[in-house]
Amino acid sequence: MIIVQVKEGETIERALKKFKRKFEKTGIVKELRSRQAFQKPSVTNRKKMMKAIYVQQLRATEE
């Protein structure tokens, strides 16, 4: 459960912003979307490999 400490005099919009930030950090939405459709392990591994290659190329162009 996500708990957001609200300070005295703090607006609801600010508290809601804190809640949304904490909610994003937990990764619940990301996990929920990934569970909606099953992916074969080979597809998952291929995507991880492609992402690693992409990041590696980005770092190479920065140097």
PDB file of N, CA and C in Angstrom:
ATOM      1  N   MET A   1       0.835  -1.168   0.000  1.00  0.00           N
ATOM      2  CA  MET A   1       0.000   0.000   0.000  1.00  0.00           C
ATOM      3  C   MET A   1       0.888   1.242   0.000  1.00  0.00           C
ATOM      4  N   ILE A   2       0.492   2.217  -0.787  1.00  0.00           N
ATOM      5  CA  ILE A   2       1.260   3.451  -0.890  1.00  0.00           C
ATOM      6  C   ILE A   2       0.716   4.456   0.125  1.00  0.00           C
ATOM      7  N   ILE A   3       1.611   4.982   0.937  1.00  0.00           N
ATOM      8  CA  ILE A   3       1.228   5.973   1.937  1.00  0.00           C
ATOM      9  C   ILE A   3       1.941   7.279   1.618  1.00  0.00           C
ATOM     10  N   VAL A   4       1.181   8.356   1.563  1.00  0.00           N
ATOM     11  CA  VAL A   4       1.733   9.675   1.276  1.00  0.00           C
ATOM     12  C   VAL A   4       1.523  10.559   2.493  1.00  0.00           C
ATOM     13  N   GLN A   5       2.603  11.067   3.038  1.00  0.00           N
ATOM     14  CA  GLN A   5       2.519  11.964   4.177  1.00  0.00           C
ATOM     15  C   GLN A   5       2.185  13.371   3.656  1.00  0.00           C
ATOM     16  N   VAL A   6       1.084  13.920   4.136  1.00  0.00           N
ATOM     17  CA  VAL A   6       0.656  15.250   3.733  1.00  0.00           C
ATOM     18  C   VAL A   6       0.959  16.212   4.869  1.00  0.00           C
ATOM     19  N   LYS A   7       1.713  17.248   4.544  1.00  0.00           N
ATOM     20  CA  LYS A   7       2.071  18.246   5.548  1.00  0.00           C
ATOM     21  C   LYS A   7       0.899  19.199   5.761  1.00  0.00           C
ATOM     22  N   GLU A   8       0.919  19.841   6.893  1.00  0.00           N
ATOM     23  CA  GLU A   8      -0.146  20.769   7.212  1.00  0.00           C
ATOM     24  C   GLU A   8      -0.094  21.967   6.263  1.00  0.00           C
ATOM     25  N   GLY A   9      -1.226  22.302   5.695  1.00  0.00           N
ATOM     26  CA  GLY A   9      -1.307  23.426   4.777  1.00  0.00           C
ATOM     27  C   GLY A   9      -0.943  23.068   3.338  1.00  0.00           C
ATOM     28  N   GLU A  10      -0.639  21.794   3.082  1.00  0.00           N
ATOM     29  CA  GLU A  10      -0.265  21.377   1.731  1.00  0.00           C
ATOM     30  C   GLU A  10      -1.527  21.162   0.893  1.00  0.00           C
ATOM     31  N   THR A  11      -1.481  21.575  -0.358  1.00  0.00           N
ATOM     32  CA  THR A  11      -2.658  21.458  -1.208  1.00  0.00           C
ATOM     33  C   THR A  11      -2.870  20.016  -1.652  1.00  0.00           C
ATOM     34  N   ILE A  12      -4.093  19.738  -2.056  1.00  0.00           N
ATOM     35  CA  ILE A  12      -4.440  18.396  -2.514  1.00  0.00           C
ATOM     36  C   ILE A  12      -3.708  18.071  -3.805  1.00  0.00           C
ATOM     37  N   GLU A  13      -3.538  19.060  -4.671  1.00  0.00           N
ATOM     38  CA  GLU A  13      -2.832  18.839  -5.935  1.00  0.00           C
ATOM     39  C   GLU A  13      -1.399  18.383  -5.689  1.00  0.00           C
ATOM     40  N   ARG A  14      -0.764  18.995  -4.703  1.00  0.00           N
ATOM     41  CA  ARG A  14       0.619  18.643  -4.372  1.00  0.00           C
ATOM     42  C   ARG A  14       0.693  17.209  -3.835  1.00  0.00           C
ATOM     43  N   ALA A  15      -0.263  16.859  -2.975  1.00  0.00           N
ATOM     44  CA  ALA A  15      -0.302  15.508  -2.414  1.00  0.00           C
ATOM     45  C   ALA A  15      -0.578  14.474  -3.500  1.00  0.00           C
ATOM     46  N   LEU A  16      -1.447  14.826  -4.427  1.00  0.00           N
ATOM     47  CA  LEU A  16      -1.757  13.931  -5.536  1.00  0.00           C
ATOM     48  C   LEU A  16      -0.540  13.726  -6.427  1.00  0.00           C
ATOM     49  N   LYS A  17       0.235  14.783  -6.618  1.00  0.00           N
ATOM     50  CA  LYS A  17       1.457  14.697  -7.412  1.00  0.00           C
ATOM     51  C   LYS A  17       2.457  13.744  -6.743  1.00  0.00           C
ATOM     52  N   LYS A  18       2.582  13.841  -5.416  1.00  0.00           N
ATOM     53  CA  LYS A  18       3.461  12.945  -4.665  1.00  0.00           C
ATOM     54  C   LYS A  18       3.009  11.494  -4.819  1.00  0.00           C
ATOM     55  N   PHE A  19       1.684  11.283  -4.723  1.00  0.00           N
ATOM     56  CA  PHE A  19       1.136   9.936  -4.858  1.00  0.00           C
ATOM     57  C   PHE A  19       1.437   9.359  -6.230  1.00  0.00           C
ATOM     58  N   LYS A  20       1.234  10.146  -7.269  1.00  0.00           N
ATOM     59  CA  LYS A  20       1.482   9.679  -8.633  1.00  0.00           C
ATOM     60  C   LYS A  20       2.949   9.313  -8.821  1.00  0.00           C
ATOM     61  N   ARG A  21       3.855  10.115  -8.256  1.00  0.00           N
ATOM     62  CA  ARG A  21       5.287   9.853  -8.364  1.00  0.00           C
ATOM     63  C   ARG A  21       5.650   8.533  -7.680  1.00  0.00           C
ATOM     64  N   LYS A  22       5.109   8.322  -6.475  1.00  0.00           N
ATOM     65  CA  LYS A  22       5.375   7.079  -5.749  1.00  0.00           C
ATOM     66  C   LYS A  22       4.788   5.887  -6.493  1.00  0.00           C
ATOM     67  N   PHE A  23       3.613   6.073  -7.055  1.00  0.00           N
ATOM     68  CA  PHE A  23       2.934   5.003  -7.787  1.00  0.00           C
ATOM     69  C   PHE A  23       3.750   4.597  -9.011  1.00  0.00           C
ATOM     70  N   GLU A  24       4.316   5.562  -9.720  1.00  0.00           N
ATOM     71  CA  GLU A  24       5.151   5.272 -10.887  1.00  0.00           C
ATOM     72  C   GLU A  24       6.414   4.519 -10.485  1.00  0.00           C
ATOM     73  N   LYS A  25       7.021   4.892  -9.358  1.00  0.00           N
ATOM     74  CA  LYS A  25       8.252   4.249  -8.911  1.00  0.00           C
ATOM     75  C   LYS A  25       8.042   2.783  -8.564  1.00  0.00           C
ATOM     76  N   THR A  26       6.845   2.421  -8.094  1.00  0.00           N
ATOM     77  CA  THR A  26       6.599   1.033  -7.727  1.00  0.00           C
ATOM     78  C   THR A  26       6.532   0.125  -8.948  1.00  0.00           C
ATOM     79  N   GLY A  27       6.155   0.657 -10.104  1.00  0.00           N
ATOM     80  CA  GLY A  27       6.119  -0.136 -11.329  1.00  0.00           C
ATOM     81  C   GLY A  27       4.891  -1.010 -11.455  1.00  0.00           C
ATOM     82  N   ILE A  28       3.840  -0.694 -10.740  1.00  0.00           N
ATOM     83  CA  ILE A  28       2.624  -1.493 -10.767  1.00  0.00           C
ATOM     84  C   ILE A  28       1.981  -1.467 -12.146  1.00  0.00           C
ATOM     85  N   VAL A  29       1.877  -0.307 -12.745  1.00  0.00           N
ATOM     86  CA  VAL A  29       1.230  -0.174 -14.046  1.00  0.00           C
ATOM     87  C   VAL A  29       2.023  -0.926 -15.109  1.00  0.00           C
ATOM     88  N   LYS A  30       3.337  -0.822 -15.054  1.00  0.00           N
ATOM     89  CA  LYS A  30       4.184  -1.506 -16.022  1.00  0.00           C
ATOM     90  C   LYS A  30       4.002  -3.020 -15.925  1.00  0.00           C
ATOM     91  N   GLU A  31       3.964  -3.527 -14.691  1.00  0.00           N
ATOM     92  CA  GLU A  31       3.785  -4.959 -14.492  1.00  0.00           C
ATOM     93  C   GLU A  31       2.403  -5.408 -14.941  1.00  0.00           C
ATOM     94  N   LEU A  32       1.403  -4.606 -14.662  1.00  0.00           N
ATOM     95  CA  LEU A  32       0.031  -4.937 -15.056  1.00  0.00           C
ATOM     96  C   LEU A  32      -0.075  -5.050 -16.573  1.00  0.00           C
ATOM     97  N   ARG A  33       0.506  -4.116 -17.286  1.00  0.00           N
ATOM     98  CA  ARG A  33       0.457  -4.148 -18.752  1.00  0.00           C
ATOM     99  C   ARG A  33       1.214  -5.351 -19.311  1.00  0.00           C
ATOM    100  N   SER A  34       2.320  -5.708 -18.672  1.00  0.00           N
ATOM    101  CA  SER A  34       3.084  -6.846 -19.164  1.00  0.00           C
ATOM    102  C   SER A  34       2.349  -8.158 -18.912  1.00  0.00           C
ATOM    103  N   ARG A  35       1.521  -8.202 -17.894  1.00  0.00           N
ATOM    104  CA  ARG A  35       0.777  -9.426 -17.586  1.00  0.00           C
ATOM    105  C   ARG A  35      -0.484  -9.587 -18.427  1.00  0.00           C
ATOM    106  N   GLN A  36      -0.927  -8.536 -19.097  1.00  0.00           N
ATOM    107  CA  GLN A  36      -2.145  -8.619 -19.883  1.00  0.00           C
ATOM    108  C   GLN A  36      -1.987  -9.569 -21.067  1.00  0.00           C
ATOM    109  N   ALA A  37      -0.804  -9.599 -21.657  1.00  0.00           N
ATOM    110  CA  ALA A  37      -0.570 -10.475 -22.795  1.00  0.00           C
ATOM    111  C   ALA A  37       0.713 -11.255 -22.543  1.00  0.00           C
ATOM    112  N   PHE A  38       0.628 -12.572 -22.691  1.00  0.00           N
ATOM    113  CA  PHE A  38       1.792 -13.417 -22.442  1.00  0.00           C
ATOM    114  C   PHE A  38       2.800 -13.274 -23.569  1.00  0.00           C
ATOM    115  N   GLN A  39       4.072 -13.205 -23.205  1.00  0.00           N
ATOM    116  CA  GLN A  39       5.148 -13.181 -24.187  1.00  0.00           C
ATOM    117  C   GLN A  39       6.035 -14.382 -23.947  1.00  0.00           C
ATOM    118  N   LYS A  40       6.434 -15.008 -25.023  1.00  0.00           N
ATOM    119  CA  LYS A  40       7.333 -16.144 -24.884  1.00  0.00           C
ATOM    120  C   LYS A  40       8.670 -15.658 -24.341  1.00  0.00           C
ATOM    121  N   PRO A  41       9.353 -16.488 -23.574  1.00  0.00           N
ATOM    122  CA  PRO A  41      10.651 -16.086 -23.032  1.00  0.00           C
ATOM    123  C   PRO A  41      11.653 -15.693 -24.111  1.00  0.00           C
ATOM    124  N   SER A  42      11.583 -16.336 -25.268  1.00  0.00           N
ATOM    125  CA  SER A  42      12.520 -16.000 -26.342  1.00  0.00           C
ATOM    126  C   SER A  42      12.279 -14.570 -26.848  1.00  0.00           C
ATOM    127  N   VAL A  43      11.026 -14.154 -26.889  1.00  0.00           N
ATOM    128  CA  VAL A  43      10.697 -12.793 -27.322  1.00  0.00           C
ATOM    129  C   VAL A  43      11.187 -11.795 -26.285  1.00  0.00           C
ATOM    130  N   THR A  44      10.995 -12.114 -25.014  1.00  0.00           N
ATOM    131  CA  THR A  44      11.454 -11.239 -23.933  1.00  0.00           C
ATOM    132  C   THR A  44      12.968 -11.081 -23.974  1.00  0.00           C
ATOM    133  N   ASN A  45      13.680 -12.195 -24.161  1.00  0.00           N
ATOM    134  CA  ASN A  45      15.137 -12.143 -24.232  1.00  0.00           C
ATOM    135  C   ASN A  45      15.606 -11.333 -25.434  1.00  0.00           C
ATOM    136  N   ARG A  46      14.924 -11.479 -26.556  1.00  0.00           N
ATOM    137  CA  ARG A  46      15.291 -10.736 -27.761  1.00  0.00           C
ATOM    138  C   ARG A  46      15.115  -9.229 -27.533  1.00  0.00           C
ATOM    139  N   LYS A  47      14.017  -8.853 -26.879  1.00  0.00           N
ATOM    140  CA  LYS A  47      13.791  -7.434 -26.600  1.00  0.00           C
ATOM    141  C   LYS A  47      14.859  -6.868 -25.672  1.00  0.00           C
ATOM    142  N   LYS A  48      15.250  -7.652 -24.657  1.00  0.00           N
ATOM    143  CA  LYS A  48      16.306  -7.209 -23.738  1.00  0.00           C
ATOM    144  C   LYS A  48      17.615  -7.020 -24.500  1.00  0.00           C
ATOM    145  N   MET A  49      17.906  -7.949 -25.404  1.00  0.00           N
ATOM    146  CA  MET A  49      19.137  -7.879 -26.178  1.00  0.00           C
ATOM    147  C   MET A  49      19.128  -6.654 -27.092  1.00  0.00           C
ATOM    148  N   MET A  50      18.007  -6.395 -27.745  1.00  0.00           N
ATOM    149  CA  MET A  50      17.906  -5.237 -28.632  1.00  0.00           C
ATOM    150  C   MET A  50      18.044  -3.933 -27.849  1.00  0.00           C
ATOM    151  N   LYS A  51      17.462  -3.884 -26.654  1.00  0.00           N
ATOM    152  CA  LYS A  51      17.580  -2.691 -25.826  1.00  0.00           C
ATOM    153  C   LYS A  51      19.027  -2.471 -25.402  1.00  0.00           C
ATOM    154  N   ALA A  52      19.717  -3.562 -25.032  1.00  0.00           N
ATOM    155  CA  ALA A  52      21.120  -3.457 -24.627  1.00  0.00           C
ATOM    156  C   ALA A  52      21.982  -2.959 -25.780  1.00  0.00           C
ATOM    157  N   ILE A  53      21.712  -3.455 -26.982  1.00  0.00           N
ATOM    158  CA  ILE A  53      22.464  -3.010 -28.157  1.00  0.00           C
ATOM    159  C   ILE A  53      22.216  -1.527 -28.407  1.00  0.00           C
ATOM    160  N   TYR A  54      20.960  -1.109 -28.291  1.00  0.00           N
ATOM    161  CA  TYR A  54      20.592   0.294 -28.515  1.00  0.00           C
ATOM    162  C   TYR A  54      21.298   1.206 -27.514  1.00  0.00           C
ATOM    163  N   VAL A  55      21.292   0.821 -26.237  1.00  0.00           N
ATOM    164  CA  VAL A  55      21.943   1.639 -25.199  1.00  0.00           C
ATOM    165  C   VAL A  55      23.449   1.705 -25.445  1.00  0.00           C
ATOM    166  N   GLN A  56      24.015   0.582 -25.849  1.00  0.00           N
ATOM    167  CA  GLN A  56      25.449   0.528 -26.119  1.00  0.00           C
ATOM    168  C   GLN A  56      25.815   1.463 -27.278  1.00  0.00           C
ATOM    169  N   GLN A  57      24.966   1.491 -28.306  1.00  0.00           N
ATOM    170  CA  GLN A  57      25.220   2.376 -29.445  1.00  0.00           C
ATOM    171  C   GLN A  57      25.096   3.839 -29.036  1.00  0.00           C
ATOM    172  N   LEU A  58      24.125   4.138 -28.183  1.00  0.00           N
ATOM    173  CA  LEU A  58      23.958   5.524 -27.691  1.00  0.00           C
ATOM    174  C   LEU A  58      25.211   5.976 -26.944  1.00  0.00           C
ATOM    175  N   ARG A  59      25.713   5.112 -26.086  1.00  0.00           N
ATOM    176  CA  ARG A  59      26.905   5.460 -25.310  1.00  0.00           C
ATOM    177  C   ARG A  59      28.120   5.616 -26.201  1.00  0.00           C
ATOM    178  N   ALA A  60      28.179   4.827 -27.247  1.00  0.00           N
ATOM    179  CA  ALA A  60      29.334   4.898 -28.176  1.00  0.00           C
ATOM    180  C   ALA A  60      29.302   6.225 -28.943  1.00  0.00           C
ATOM    181  N   THR A  61      28.092   6.710 -29.300  1.00  0.00           N
ATOM    182  CA  THR A  61      28.015   7.960 -30.042  1.00  0.00           C
ATOM    183  C   THR A  61      28.309   9.156 -29.149  1.00  0.00           C
ATOM    184  N   GLU A  62      28.075   9.039 -27.844  1.00  0.00           N
ATOM    185  CA  GLU A  62      28.345  10.123 -26.919  1.00  0.00           C
ATOM    186  C   GLU A  62      29.859  10.373 -26.779  1.00  0.00           C
ATOM    187  N   GLU A  63      30.645   9.321 -26.906  1.00  0.00           N
ATOM    188  CA  GLU A  63      32.076   9.438 -26.700  1.00  0.00           C
ATOM    189  C   GLU A  63      32.770   9.991 -27.877  1.00  0.00           C
TER     190      GLU A  63
END
